[in-house]
Structure formats: C-alpha cells, structure tokens
Amino acid sequence: MLTDIHPKLPMRDKNITKEFYKNNLGFNVFGSADFDGYLMMEKDQIQIHFFEFKAIDPKENYGMVYIRTDNIDSFYQSLLDNNTQIHPNGPLEIKPWGQKEFSILDPDSNLLTFGQSIST
C-alpha cells in the first residue's frame, strides 16, 4: 500500500538550497538531524528531499516535480510579493488539461510546477 511520496532532487550547495526554499517558498527544514550532503524540506503536507551533487550543471539538470495546491492564486501572489522569480515560460495560467499552473526554477534549475484543478 502506497502512502506518500517524497521526491529527491539534486543540489549543489545545501545552504543555498535551504535558504531558497525557506525564504522564497516558505518551506522549513524537516527533522532535527543534519545529514552531510542531504536535506529534507517541508511545507504543509509535502516534503522534498535533496541530495548533494556538486558537479551538476544547472543548464543540464532535468530535475522536476509537480506539486498540487488548493489555493494556487494566493500562493502565486505570495511568491510575487516575495520577489520570487517565476519561470519565463511558466506564468500562472489555465492549461488545456484542466489545471491552473505556474512554474519556477530553484537555484540548481530543478523545475517546480504548482497546479490546481479548475474542475469541481
């Protein structure tokens, strides 16, 4: 029986990743252990884990995660208010597949897409 999923994304610098997710997206560090080369962040009901990959070239990183939300307009506005850069190809819009979505890139070019169903 499956119960949760915690995507693991690459990071070059733990402190930069931690500060970005904390200050730009409102995440908090999950757990009390400080593992070398590993980071766990959480917000509301989700966690994202990060593993150290110092040699990754952000221009060649294809890390992606899709995060569902139940208040996308408010979350999007909070990111704009916080001067978080929205992906140039990912502004908030309604997609043909029935989702309202937007995307951002983290410091290592992991693509985070946030979406909310527009159907009932």
PDB file of N, CA and C in Angstrom:
ATOM      1  N   MET A   1       0.835  -1.175   0.000  1.00  0.00           N
ATOM      2  CA  MET A   1       0.000   0.000   0.000  1.00  0.00           C
ATOM      3  C   MET A   1       0.886   1.245   0.000  1.00  0.00           C
ATOM      4  N   LEU A   2       0.705   2.132  -0.966  1.00  0.00           N
ATOM      5  CA  LEU A   2       1.487   3.365  -1.045  1.00  0.00           C
ATOM      6  C   LEU A   2       0.811   4.455  -0.218  1.00  0.00           C
ATOM      7  N   THR A   3       1.600   5.245   0.495  1.00  0.00           N
ATOM      8  CA  THR A   3       1.005   6.267   1.349  1.00  0.00           C
ATOM      9  C   THR A   3       1.526   7.677   1.100  1.00  0.00           C
ATOM     10  N   ASP A   4       2.762   7.838   0.693  1.00  0.00           N
ATOM     11  CA  ASP A   4       3.347   9.165   0.477  1.00  0.00           C
ATOM     12  C   ASP A   4       4.420   9.067  -0.593  1.00  0.00           C
ATOM     13  N   ILE A   5       4.811  10.229  -1.095  1.00  0.00           N
ATOM     14  CA  ILE A   5       5.954  10.305  -1.991  1.00  0.00           C
ATOM     15  C   ILE A   5       6.763  11.539  -1.608  1.00  0.00           C
ATOM     16  N   HIS A   6       8.066  11.378  -1.586  1.00  0.00           N
ATOM     17  CA  HIS A   6       8.970  12.476  -1.266  1.00  0.00           C
ATOM     18  C   HIS A   6      10.038  12.533  -2.355  1.00  0.00           C
ATOM     19  N   PRO A   7       9.829  13.396  -3.354  1.00  0.00           N
ATOM     20  CA  PRO A   7      10.808  13.460  -4.441  1.00  0.00           C
ATOM     21  C   PRO A   7      12.184  13.864  -3.931  1.00  0.00           C
ATOM     22  N   LYS A   8      13.215  13.343  -4.603  1.00  0.00           N
ATOM     23  CA  LYS A   8      14.602  13.677  -4.281  1.00  0.00           C
ATOM     24  C   LYS A   8      15.195  14.413  -5.476  1.00  0.00           C
ATOM     25  N   LEU A   9      15.685  15.621  -5.231  1.00  0.00           N
ATOM     26  CA  LEU A   9      16.234  16.459  -6.279  1.00  0.00           C
ATOM     27  C   LEU A   9      17.697  16.765  -5.990  1.00  0.00           C
ATOM     28  N   PRO A  10      18.490  16.991  -7.023  1.00  0.00           N
ATOM     29  CA  PRO A  10      19.896  17.316  -6.809  1.00  0.00           C
ATOM     30  C   PRO A  10      20.092  18.757  -6.335  1.00  0.00           C
ATOM     31  N   MET A  11      21.143  18.961  -5.550  1.00  0.00           N
ATOM     32  CA  MET A  11      21.525  20.306  -5.109  1.00  0.00           C
ATOM     33  C   MET A  11      23.043  20.404  -5.124  1.00  0.00           C
ATOM     34  N   ARG A  12      23.542  21.577  -5.450  1.00  0.00           N
ATOM     35  CA  ARG A  12      24.988  21.799  -5.417  1.00  0.00           C
ATOM     36  C   ARG A  12      25.447  22.274  -4.049  1.00  0.00           C
ATOM     37  N   ASP A  13      24.648  23.118  -3.399  1.00  0.00           N
ATOM     38  CA  ASP A  13      25.040  23.724  -2.134  1.00  0.00           C
ATOM     39  C   ASP A  13      23.863  23.684  -1.171  1.00  0.00           C
ATOM     40  N   LYS A  14      24.031  22.941  -0.103  1.00  0.00           N
ATOM     41  CA  LYS A  14      22.955  22.729   0.864  1.00  0.00           C
ATOM     42  C   LYS A  14      22.432  24.040   1.445  1.00  0.00           C
ATOM     43  N   ASN A  15      23.321  24.952   1.801  1.00  0.00           N
ATOM     44  CA  ASN A  15      22.885  26.208   2.414  1.00  0.00           C
ATOM     45  C   ASN A  15      22.089  27.073   1.442  1.00  0.00           C
ATOM     46  N   ILE A  16      22.527  27.134   0.209  1.00  0.00           N
ATOM     47  CA  ILE A  16      21.797  27.920  -0.799  1.00  0.00           C
ATOM     48  C   ILE A  16      20.419  27.325  -1.032  1.00  0.00           C
ATOM     49  N   THR A  17      20.350  26.010  -1.150  1.00  0.00           N
ATOM     50  CA  THR A  17      19.063  25.337  -1.353  1.00  0.00           C
ATOM     51  C   THR A  17      18.143  25.580  -0.168  1.00  0.00           C
ATOM     52  N   LYS A  18      18.667  25.393   1.037  1.00  0.00           N
ATOM     53  CA  LYS A  18      17.862  25.584   2.244  1.00  0.00           C
ATOM     54  C   LYS A  18      17.314  27.011   2.319  1.00  0.00           C
ATOM     55  N   GLU A  19      18.147  27.987   2.070  1.00  0.00           N
ATOM     56  CA  GLU A  19      17.712  29.389   2.144  1.00  0.00           C
ATOM     57  C   GLU A  19      16.678  29.721   1.067  1.00  0.00           C
ATOM     58  N   PHE A  20      16.866  29.196  -0.137  1.00  0.00           N
ATOM     59  CA  PHE A  20      15.902  29.452  -1.205  1.00  0.00           C
ATOM     60  C   PHE A  20      14.531  28.902  -0.836  1.00  0.00           C
ATOM     61  N   TYR A  21      14.467  27.647  -0.431  1.00  0.00           N
ATOM     62  CA  TYR A  21      13.182  27.032  -0.115  1.00  0.00           C
ATOM     63  C   TYR A  21      12.546  27.665   1.117  1.00  0.00           C
ATOM     64  N   LYS A  22      13.355  28.053   2.067  1.00  0.00           N
ATOM     65  CA  LYS A  22      12.836  28.689   3.281  1.00  0.00           C
ATOM     66  C   LYS A  22      12.363  30.113   2.991  1.00  0.00           C
ATOM     67  N   ASN A  23      13.222  30.932   2.407  1.00  0.00           N
ATOM     68  CA  ASN A  23      12.915  32.347   2.241  1.00  0.00           C
ATOM     69  C   ASN A  23      11.998  32.647   1.065  1.00  0.00           C
ATOM     70  N   ASN A  24      12.079  31.897  -0.011  1.00  0.00           N
ATOM     71  CA  ASN A  24      11.271  32.180  -1.189  1.00  0.00           C
ATOM     72  C   ASN A  24       9.956  31.417  -1.214  1.00  0.00           C
ATOM     73  N   LEU A  25       9.966  30.185  -0.707  1.00  0.00           N
ATOM     74  CA  LEU A  25       8.779  29.335  -0.834  1.00  0.00           C
ATOM     75  C   LEU A  25       8.089  29.018   0.483  1.00  0.00           C
ATOM     76  N   GLY A  26       8.693  29.407   1.609  1.00  0.00           N
ATOM     77  CA  GLY A  26       8.055  29.182   2.902  1.00  0.00           C
ATOM     78  C   GLY A  26       8.185  27.777   3.446  1.00  0.00           C
ATOM     79  N   PHE A  27       9.171  27.018   2.970  1.00  0.00           N
ATOM     80  CA  PHE A  27       9.416  25.672   3.492  1.00  0.00           C
ATOM     81  C   PHE A  27      10.217  25.770   4.792  1.00  0.00           C
ATOM     82  N   ASN A  28      10.195  24.694   5.555  1.00  0.00           N
ATOM     83  CA  ASN A  28      11.009  24.557   6.763  1.00  0.00           C
ATOM     84  C   ASN A  28      11.828  23.284   6.671  1.00  0.00           C
ATOM     85  N   VAL A  29      12.937  23.268   7.370  1.00  0.00           N
ATOM     86  CA  VAL A  29      13.749  22.051   7.438  1.00  0.00           C
ATOM     87  C   VAL A  29      12.944  20.997   8.171  1.00  0.00           C
ATOM     88  N   PHE A  30      12.930  19.782   7.628  1.00  0.00           N
ATOM     89  CA  PHE A  30      12.240  18.665   8.257  1.00  0.00           C
ATOM     90  C   PHE A  30      13.239  17.852   9.060  1.00  0.00           C
ATOM     91  N   GLY A  31      12.873  17.507  10.276  1.00  0.00           N
ATOM     92  CA  GLY A  31      13.722  16.672  11.130  1.00  0.00           C
ATOM     93  C   GLY A  31      14.784  17.487  11.841  1.00  0.00           C
ATOM     94  N   SER A  32      15.415  16.850  12.785  1.00  0.00           N
ATOM     95  CA  SER A  32      16.424  17.540  13.593  1.00  0.00           C
ATOM     96  C   SER A  32      17.839  17.107  13.244  1.00  0.00           C
ATOM     97  N   ALA A  33      17.972  16.052  12.469  1.00  0.00           N
ATOM     98  CA  ALA A  33      19.309  15.574  12.108  1.00  0.00           C
ATOM     99  C   ALA A  33      19.851  16.398  10.938  1.00  0.00           C
ATOM    100  N   ASP A  34      21.126  16.718  10.993  1.00  0.00           N
ATOM    101  CA  ASP A  34      21.778  17.452   9.918  1.00  0.00           C
ATOM    102  C   ASP A  34      22.712  16.485   9.208  1.00  0.00           C
ATOM    103  N   PHE A  35      22.191  15.829   8.165  1.00  0.00           N
ATOM    104  CA  PHE A  35      22.961  14.835   7.445  1.00  0.00           C
ATOM    105  C   PHE A  35      23.876  15.512   6.433  1.00  0.00           C
ATOM    106  N   ASP A  36      25.094  15.061   6.360  1.00  0.00           N
ATOM    107  CA  ASP A  36      26.045  15.599   5.403  1.00  0.00           C
ATOM    108  C   ASP A  36      25.577  15.274   3.984  1.00  0.00           C
ATOM    109  N   GLY A  37      25.423  16.310   3.155  1.00  0.00           N
ATOM    110  CA  GLY A  37      25.060  16.088   1.768  1.00  0.00           C
ATOM    111  C   GLY A  37      23.610  15.734   1.524  1.00  0.00           C
ATOM    112  N   TYR A  38      22.742  15.936   2.516  1.00  0.00           N
ATOM    113  CA  TYR A  38      21.335  15.589   2.359  1.00  0.00           C
ATOM    114  C   TYR A  38      20.491  16.612   3.100  1.00  0.00           C
ATOM    115  N   LEU A  39      19.351  16.968   2.518  1.00  0.00           N
ATOM    116  CA  LEU A  39      18.478  17.981   3.103  1.00  0.00           C
ATOM    117  C   LEU A  39      17.031  17.567   2.885  1.00  0.00           C
ATOM    118  N   MET A  40      16.216  17.760   3.902  1.00  0.00           N
ATOM    119  CA  MET A  40      14.786  17.488   3.801  1.00  0.00           C
ATOM    120  C   MET A  40      14.036  18.768   4.168  1.00  0.00           C
ATOM    121  N   MET A  41      13.162  19.209   3.268  1.00  0.00           N
ATOM    122  CA  MET A  41      12.371  20.412   3.495  1.00  0.00           C
ATOM    123  C   MET A  41      10.893  20.053   3.405  1.00  0.00           C
ATOM    124  N   GLU A  42      10.063  20.786   4.171  1.00  0.00           N
ATOM    125  CA  GLU A  42       8.629  20.514   4.129  1.00  0.00           C
ATOM    126  C   GLU A  42       7.830  21.803   4.198  1.00  0.00           C
ATOM    127  N   LYS A  43       6.649  21.734   3.624  1.00  0.00           N
ATOM    128  CA  LYS A  43       5.670  22.820   3.702  1.00  0.00           C
ATOM    129  C   LYS A  43       4.304  22.161   3.648  1.00  0.00           C
ATOM    130  N   ASP A  44       3.468  22.510   4.596  1.00  0.00           N
ATOM    131  CA  ASP A  44       2.134  21.935   4.684  1.00  0.00           C
ATOM    132  C   ASP A  44       2.244  20.411   4.691  1.00  0.00           C
ATOM    133  N   GLN A  45       1.677  19.742   3.682  1.00  0.00           N
ATOM    134  CA  GLN A  45       1.645  18.281   3.675  1.00  0.00           C
ATOM    135  C   GLN A  45       2.686  17.643   2.768  1.00  0.00           C
ATOM    136  N   ILE A  46       3.654  18.424   2.260  1.00  0.00           N
ATOM    137  CA  ILE A  46       4.625  17.832   1.340  1.00  0.00           C
ATOM    138  C   ILE A  46       6.048  17.972   1.861  1.00  0.00           C
ATOM    139  N   GLN A  47       6.875  17.069   1.406  1.00  0.00           N
ATOM    140  CA  GLN A  47       8.314  17.116   1.664  1.00  0.00           C
ATOM    141  C   GLN A  47       9.039  16.979   0.334  1.00  0.00           C
ATOM    142  N   ILE A  48      10.156  17.687   0.244  1.00  0.00           N
ATOM    143  CA  ILE A  48      11.079  17.495  -0.868  1.00  0.00           C
ATOM    144  C   ILE A  48      12.434  17.203  -0.249  1.00  0.00           C
ATOM    145  N   HIS A  49      13.082  16.159  -0.716  1.00  0.00           N
ATOM    146  CA  HIS A  49      14.408  15.789  -0.241  1.00  0.00           C
ATOM    147  C   HIS A  49      15.429  16.185  -1.305  1.00  0.00           C
ATOM    148  N   PHE A  50      16.632  16.504  -0.860  1.00  0.00           N
ATOM    149  CA  PHE A  50      17.703  16.925  -1.759  1.00  0.00           C
ATOM    150  C   PHE A  50      18.962  16.145  -1.449  1.00  0.00           C
ATOM    151  N   PHE A  51      19.658  15.734  -2.489  1.00  0.00           N
ATOM    152  CA  PHE A  51      20.933  15.058  -2.315  1.00  0.00           C
ATOM    153  C   PHE A  51      22.029  15.904  -2.947  1.00  0.00           C
ATOM    154  N   GLU A  52      23.184  15.898  -2.343  1.00  0.00           N
ATOM    155  CA  GLU A  52      24.293  16.704  -2.842  1.00  0.00           C
ATOM    156  C   GLU A  52      24.824  16.142  -4.145  1.00  0.00           C
ATOM    157  N   PHE A  53      24.967  17.038  -5.124  1.00  0.00           N
ATOM    158  CA  PHE A  53      25.521  16.700  -6.428  1.00  0.00           C
ATOM    159  C   PHE A  53      26.273  17.946  -6.891  1.00  0.00           C
ATOM    160  N   LYS A  54      27.453  18.146  -6.317  1.00  0.00           N
ATOM    161  CA  LYS A  54      28.229  19.364  -6.543  1.00  0.00           C
ATOM    162  C   LYS A  54      28.583  19.589  -8.007  1.00  0.00           C
ATOM    163  N   ALA A  55      28.733  18.527  -8.766  1.00  0.00           N
ATOM    164  CA  ALA A  55      29.177  18.656 -10.163  1.00  0.00           C
ATOM    165  C   ALA A  55      28.038  18.899 -11.147  1.00  0.00           C
ATOM    166  N   ILE A  56      26.805  18.934 -10.678  1.00  0.00           N
ATOM    167  CA  ILE A  56      25.701  19.099 -11.628  1.00  0.00           C
ATOM    168  C   ILE A  56      25.781  20.476 -12.289  1.00  0.00           C
ATOM    169  N   ASP A  57      25.551  20.479 -13.580  1.00  0.00           N
ATOM    170  CA  ASP A  57      25.489  21.717 -14.339  1.00  0.00           C
ATOM    171  C   ASP A  57      24.016  22.103 -14.411  1.00  0.00           C
ATOM    172  N   PRO A  58      23.628  23.213 -13.799  1.00  0.00           N
ATOM    173  CA  PRO A  58      22.206  23.589 -13.817  1.00  0.00           C
ATOM    174  C   PRO A  58      21.607  23.665 -15.212  1.00  0.00           C
ATOM    175  N   LYS A  59      22.414  23.963 -16.218  1.00  0.00           N
ATOM    176  CA  LYS A  59      21.903  24.026 -17.587  1.00  0.00           C
ATOM    177  C   LYS A  59      21.554  22.642 -18.131  1.00  0.00           C
ATOM    178  N   GLU A  60      22.037  21.597 -17.453  1.00  0.00           N
ATOM    179  CA  GLU A  60      21.776  20.227 -17.891  1.00  0.00           C
ATOM    180  C   GLU A  60      20.953  19.439 -16.882  1.00  0.00           C
ATOM    181  N   ASN A  61      20.395  20.128 -15.899  1.00  0.00           N
ATOM    182  CA  ASN A  61      19.599  19.461 -14.872  1.00  0.00           C
ATOM    183  C   ASN A  61      18.147  19.370 -15.322  1.00  0.00           C
ATOM    184  N   TYR A  62      17.625  18.160 -15.298  1.00  0.00           N
ATOM    185  CA  TYR A  62      16.239  17.939 -15.682  1.00  0.00           C
ATOM    186  C   TYR A  62      15.377  17.517 -14.504  1.00  0.00           C
ATOM    187  N   GLY A  63      15.816  17.846 -13.271  1.00  0.00           N
ATOM    188  CA  GLY A  63      15.016  17.541 -12.089  1.00  0.00           C
ATOM    189  C   GLY A  63      13.703  18.306 -12.136  1.00  0.00           C
ATOM    190  N   MET A  64      12.602  17.603 -11.896  1.00  0.00           N
ATOM    191  CA  MET A  64      11.280  18.221 -11.939  1.00  0.00           C
ATOM    192  C   MET A  64      10.380  17.595 -10.897  1.00  0.00           C
ATOM    193  N   VAL A  65       9.457  18.407 -10.404  1.00  0.00           N
ATOM    194  CA  VAL A  65       8.431  17.896  -9.506  1.00  0.00           C
ATOM    195  C   VAL A  65       7.158  18.710  -9.723  1.00  0.00           C
ATOM    196  N   TYR A  66       6.017  18.036  -9.661  1.00  0.00           N
ATOM    197  CA  TYR A  66       4.713  18.683  -9.813  1.00  0.00           C
ATOM    198  C   TYR A  66       4.056  18.667  -8.441  1.00  0.00           C
ATOM    199  N   ILE A  67       3.653  19.835  -7.967  1.00  0.00           N
ATOM    200  CA  ILE A  67       3.086  19.971  -6.623  1.00  0.00           C
ATOM    201  C   ILE A  67       1.665  20.505  -6.742  1.00  0.00           C
ATOM    202  N   ARG A  68       0.729  19.769  -6.220  1.00  0.00           N
ATOM    203  CA  ARG A  68      -0.666  20.211  -6.238  1.00  0.00           C
ATOM    204  C   ARG A  68      -0.934  21.113  -5.033  1.00  0.00           C
ATOM    205  N   THR A  69      -1.804  22.086  -5.261  1.00  0.00           N
ATOM    206  CA  THR A  69      -2.194  23.011  -4.213  1.00  0.00           C
ATOM    207  C   THR A  69      -3.700  23.224  -4.267  1.00  0.00           C
ATOM    208  N   ASP A  70      -4.268  23.726  -3.177  1.00  0.00           N
ATOM    209  CA  ASP A  70      -5.699  24.003  -3.169  1.00  0.00           C
ATOM    210  C   ASP A  70      -5.988  25.509  -3.118  1.00  0.00           C
ATOM    211  N   ASN A  71      -4.931  26.343  -3.239  1.00  0.00           N
ATOM    212  CA  ASN A  71      -5.121  27.791  -3.264  1.00  0.00           C
ATOM    213  C   ASN A  71      -4.007  28.420  -4.094  1.00  0.00           C
ATOM    214  N   ILE A  72      -3.976  28.095  -5.369  1.00  0.00           N
ATOM    215  CA  ILE A  72      -2.867  28.496  -6.229  1.00  0.00           C
ATOM    216  C   ILE A  72      -2.762  30.010  -6.395  1.00  0.00           C
ATOM    217  N   ASP A  73      -3.893  30.700  -6.455  1.00  0.00           N
ATOM    218  CA  ASP A  73      -3.840  32.155  -6.645  1.00  0.00           C
ATOM    219  C   ASP A  73      -3.143  32.838  -5.478  1.00  0.00           C
ATOM    220  N   SER A  74      -3.483  32.445  -4.278  1.00  0.00           N
ATOM    221  CA  SER A  74      -2.871  33.032  -3.082  1.00  0.00           C
ATOM    222  C   SER A  74      -1.388  32.694  -2.997  1.00  0.00           C
ATOM    223  N   PHE A  75      -1.046  31.437  -3.280  1.00  0.00           N
ATOM    224  CA  PHE A  75       0.358  31.026  -3.214  1.00  0.00           C
ATOM    225  C   PHE A  75       1.177  31.762  -4.275  1.00  0.00           C
ATOM    226  N   TYR A  76       0.641  31.860  -5.477  1.00  0.00           N
ATOM    227  CA  TYR A  76       1.323  32.577  -6.568  1.00  0.00           C
ATOM    228  C   TYR A  76       1.566  34.034  -6.167  1.00  0.00           C
ATOM    229  N   GLN A  77       0.543  34.679  -5.618  1.00  0.00           N
ATOM    230  CA  GLN A  77       0.692  36.078  -5.218  1.00  0.00           C
ATOM    231  C   GLN A  77       1.721  36.227  -4.110  1.00  0.00           C
ATOM    232  N   SER A  78       1.776  35.271  -3.180  1.00  0.00           N
ATOM    233  CA  SER A  78       2.768  35.345  -2.103  1.00  0.00           C
ATOM    234  C   SER A  78       4.184  35.252  -2.658  1.00  0.00           C
ATOM    235  N   LEU A  79       4.378  34.463  -3.712  1.00  0.00           N
ATOM    236  CA  LEU A  79       5.698  34.377  -4.328  1.00  0.00           C
ATOM    237  C   LEU A  79       6.047  35.680  -5.045  1.00  0.00           C
ATOM    238  N   LEU A  80       5.078  36.256  -5.739  1.00  0.00           N
ATOM    239  CA  LEU A  80       5.321  37.548  -6.391  1.00  0.00           C
ATOM    240  C   LEU A  80       5.654  38.621  -5.353  1.00  0.00           C
ATOM    241  N   ASP A  81       4.908  38.628  -4.256  1.00  0.00           N
ATOM    242  CA  ASP A  81       5.151  39.603  -3.182  1.00  0.00           C
ATOM    243  C   ASP A  81       6.537  39.440  -2.584  1.00  0.00           C
ATOM    244  N   ASN A  82       7.053  38.221  -2.629  1.00  0.00           N
ATOM    245  CA  ASN A  82       8.375  37.901  -2.070  1.00  0.00           C
ATOM    246  C   ASN A  82       9.480  38.029  -3.128  1.00  0.00           C
ATOM    247  N   ASN A  83       9.119  38.537  -4.306  1.00  0.00           N
ATOM    248  CA  ASN A  83      10.069  38.710  -5.417  1.00  0.00           C
ATOM    249  C   ASN A  83      10.698  37.399  -5.883  1.00  0.00           C
ATOM    250  N   THR A  84       9.965  36.315  -5.758  1.00  0.00           N
ATOM    251  CA  THR A  84      10.427  35.033  -6.281  1.00  0.00           C
ATOM    252  C   THR A  84      10.237  35.040  -7.786  1.00  0.00           C
ATOM    253  N   GLN A  85      11.282  34.686  -8.507  1.00  0.00           N
ATOM    254  CA  GLN A  85      11.235  34.716  -9.971  1.00  0.00           C
ATOM    255  C   GLN A  85      10.407  33.553 -10.504  1.00  0.00           C
ATOM    256  N   ILE A  86       9.408  33.884 -11.301  1.00  0.00           N
ATOM    257  CA  ILE A  86       8.579  32.884 -11.965  1.00  0.00           C
ATOM    258  C   ILE A  86       9.288  32.500 -13.263  1.00  0.00           C
ATOM    259  N   HIS A  87       9.236  31.223 -13.630  1.00  0.00           N
ATOM    260  CA  HIS A  87       9.872  30.763 -14.861  1.00  0.00           C
ATOM    261  C   HIS A  87       9.309  31.561 -16.040  1.00  0.00           C
ATOM    262  N   PRO A  88      10.175  32.036 -16.951  1.00  0.00           N
ATOM    263  CA  PRO A  88       9.695  32.842 -18.079  1.00  0.00           C
ATOM    264  C   PRO A  88       8.633  32.145 -18.932  1.00  0.00           C
ATOM    265  N   ASN A  89       8.661  30.832 -18.991  1.00  0.00           N
ATOM    266  CA  ASN A  89       7.658  30.073 -19.742  1.00  0.00           C
ATOM    267  C   ASN A  89       6.581  29.502 -18.838  1.00  0.00           C
ATOM    268  N   GLY A  90       6.548  29.942 -17.567  1.00  0.00           N
ATOM    269  CA  GLY A  90       5.635  29.310 -16.622  1.00  0.00           C
ATOM    270  C   GLY A  90       4.784  30.237 -15.798  1.00  0.00           C
ATOM    271  N   PRO A  91       4.241  31.341 -16.375  1.00  0.00           N
ATOM    272  CA  PRO A  91       3.370  32.190 -15.562  1.00  0.00           C
ATOM    273  C   PRO A  91       2.065  31.464 -15.236  1.00  0.00           C
ATOM    274  N   LEU A  92       1.364  31.966 -14.261  1.00  0.00           N
ATOM    275  CA  LEU A  92       0.096  31.372 -13.857  1.00  0.00           C
ATOM    276  C   LEU A  92      -0.902  31.448 -15.006  1.00  0.00           C
ATOM    277  N   GLU A  93      -1.389  30.276 -15.403  1.00  0.00           N
ATOM    278  CA  GLU A  93      -2.376  30.229 -16.479  1.00  0.00           C
ATOM    279  C   GLU A  93      -3.153  28.921 -16.430  1.00  0.00           C
ATOM    280  N   ILE A  94      -4.284  28.935 -17.074  1.00  0.00           N
ATOM    281  CA  ILE A  94      -5.112  27.729 -17.170  1.00  0.00           C
ATOM    282  C   ILE A  94      -4.634  26.926 -18.372  1.00  0.00           C
ATOM    283  N   LYS A  95      -4.339  25.672 -18.115  1.00  0.00           N
ATOM    284  CA  LYS A  95      -3.834  24.766 -19.154  1.00  0.00           C
ATOM    285  C   LYS A  95      -4.989  23.990 -19.792  1.00  0.00           C
ATOM    286  N   PRO A  96      -4.796  23.497 -21.021  1.00  0.00           N
ATOM    287  CA  PRO A  96      -5.857  22.743 -21.708  1.00  0.00           C
ATOM    288  C   PRO A  96      -6.278  21.477 -20.967  1.00  0.00           C
ATOM    289  N   TRP A  97      -5.432  20.957 -20.097  1.00  0.00           N
ATOM    290  CA  TRP A  97      -5.753  19.711 -19.390  1.00  0.00           C
ATOM    291  C   TRP A  97      -6.494  19.958 -18.076  1.00  0.00           C
ATOM    292  N   GLY A  98      -7.007  21.193 -17.870  1.00  0.00           N
ATOM    293  CA  GLY A  98      -7.869  21.451 -16.715  1.00  0.00           C
ATOM    294  C   GLY A  98      -7.144  21.799 -15.438  1.00  0.00           C
ATOM    295  N   GLN A  99      -5.926  22.278 -15.555  1.00  0.00           N
ATOM    296  CA  GLN A  99      -5.152  22.683 -14.381  1.00  0.00           C
ATOM    297  C   GLN A  99      -4.781  24.153 -14.519  1.00  0.00           C
ATOM    298  N   LYS A 100      -4.781  24.862 -13.405  1.00  0.00           N
ATOM    299  CA  LYS A 100      -4.223  26.200 -13.337  1.00  0.00           C
ATOM    300  C   LYS A 100      -2.831  26.009 -12.775  1.00  0.00           C
ATOM    301  N   GLU A 101      -1.797  26.462 -13.499  1.00  0.00           N
ATOM    302  CA  GLU A 101      -0.424  26.127 -13.143  1.00  0.00           C
ATOM    303  C   GLU A 101       0.514  27.317 -13.298  1.00  0.00           C
ATOM    304  N   PHE A 102       1.651  27.211 -12.591  1.00  0.00           N
ATOM    305  CA  PHE A 102       2.801  28.072 -12.817  1.00  0.00           C
ATOM    306  C   PHE A 102       4.050  27.303 -12.423  1.00  0.00           C
ATOM    307  N   SER A 103       5.206  27.795 -12.872  1.00  0.00           N
ATOM    308  CA  SER A 103       6.463  27.093 -12.611  1.00  0.00           C
ATOM    309  C   SER A 103       7.557  28.063 -12.178  1.00  0.00           C
ATOM    310  N   ILE A 104       8.490  27.534 -11.396  1.00  0.00           N
ATOM    311  CA  ILE A 104       9.693  28.271 -11.012  1.00  0.00           C
ATOM    312  C   ILE A 104      10.888  27.322 -11.116  1.00  0.00           C
ATOM    313  N   LEU A 105      12.070  27.897 -11.154  1.00  0.00           N
ATOM    314  CA  LEU A 105      13.304  27.122 -11.081  1.00  0.00           C
ATOM    315  C   LEU A 105      13.978  27.420  -9.752  1.00  0.00           C
ATOM    316  N   ASP A 106      14.506  26.381  -9.116  1.00  0.00           N
ATOM    317  CA  ASP A 106      15.282  26.613  -7.899  1.00  0.00           C
ATOM    318  C   ASP A 106      16.725  26.937  -8.290  1.00  0.00           C
ATOM    319  N   PRO A 107      17.621  27.180  -7.340  1.00  0.00           N
ATOM    320  CA  PRO A 107      18.995  27.574  -7.683  1.00  0.00           C
ATOM    321  C   PRO A 107      19.773  26.562  -8.526  1.00  0.00           C
ATOM    322  N   ASP A 108      19.324  25.311  -8.557  1.00  0.00           N
ATOM    323  CA  ASP A 108      20.006  24.284  -9.342  1.00  0.00           C
ATOM    324  C   ASP A 108      19.229  23.917 -10.598  1.00  0.00           C
ATOM    325  N   SER A 109      18.256  24.730 -10.940  1.00  0.00           N
ATOM    326  CA  SER A 109      17.398  24.546 -12.116  1.00  0.00           C
ATOM    327  C   SER A 109      16.484  23.327 -12.027  1.00  0.00           C
ATOM    328  N   ASN A 110      16.146  22.916 -10.813  1.00  0.00           N
ATOM    329  CA  ASN A 110      15.068  21.947 -10.658  1.00  0.00           C
ATOM    330  C   ASN A 110      13.774  22.697 -10.940  1.00  0.00           C
ATOM    331  N   LEU A 111      12.946  22.149 -11.824  1.00  0.00           N
ATOM    332  CA  LEU A 111      11.695  22.791 -12.197  1.00  0.00           C
ATOM    333  C   LEU A 111      10.599  22.384 -11.223  1.00  0.00           C
ATOM    334  N   LEU A 112       9.998  23.374 -10.574  1.00  0.00           N
ATOM    335  CA  LEU A 112       8.878  23.136  -9.667  1.00  0.00           C
ATOM    336  C   LEU A 112       7.634  23.692 -10.337  1.00  0.00           C
ATOM    337  N   THR A 113       6.681  22.820 -10.644  1.00  0.00           N
ATOM    338  CA  THR A 113       5.424  23.251 -11.220  1.00  0.00           C
ATOM    339  C   THR A 113       4.350  23.062 -10.162  1.00  0.00           C
ATOM    340  N   PHE A 114       3.571  24.112  -9.932  1.00  0.00           N
ATOM    341  CA  PHE A 114       2.487  24.092  -8.964  1.00  0.00           C
ATOM    342  C   PHE A 114       1.185  24.109  -9.741  1.00  0.00           C
ATOM    343  N   GLY A 115       0.223  23.256  -9.351  1.00  0.00           N
ATOM    344  CA  GLY A 115      -1.022  23.167 -10.088  1.00  0.00           C
ATOM    345  C   GLY A 115      -2.223  22.929  -9.209  1.00  0.00           C
ATOM    346  N   GLN A 116      -3.363  23.410  -9.702  1.00  0.00           N
ATOM    347  CA  GLN A 116      -4.645  23.218  -9.037  1.00  0.00           C
ATOM    348  C   GLN A 116      -5.682  22.907 -10.093  1.00  0.00           C
ATOM    349  N   SER A 117      -6.511  21.909  -9.839  1.00  0.00           N
ATOM    350  CA  SER A 117      -7.581  21.553 -10.763  1.00  0.00           C
ATOM    351  C   SER A 117      -8.599  22.685 -10.817  1.00  0.00           C
ATOM    352  N   ILE A 118      -9.054  23.009 -12.027  1.00  0.00           N
ATOM    353  CA  ILE A 118     -10.088  24.041 -12.144  1.00  0.00           C
ATOM    354  C   ILE A 118     -11.469  23.429 -12.263  1.00  0.00           C
ATOM    355  N   SER A 119     -11.546  22.092 -12.358  1.00  0.00           N
ATOM    356  CA  SER A 119     -12.858  21.451 -12.361  1.00  0.00           C
ATOM    357  C   SER A 119     -13.319  21.290 -10.920  1.00  0.00           C
ATOM    358  N   THR A 120     -14.559  21.019 -10.794  1.00  0.00           N
ATOM    359  CA  THR A 120     -15.174  20.932  -9.473  1.00  0.00           C
ATOM    360  C   THR A 120     -14.359  20.235  -8.500  1.00  0.00           C
TER     361      THR A 120
END
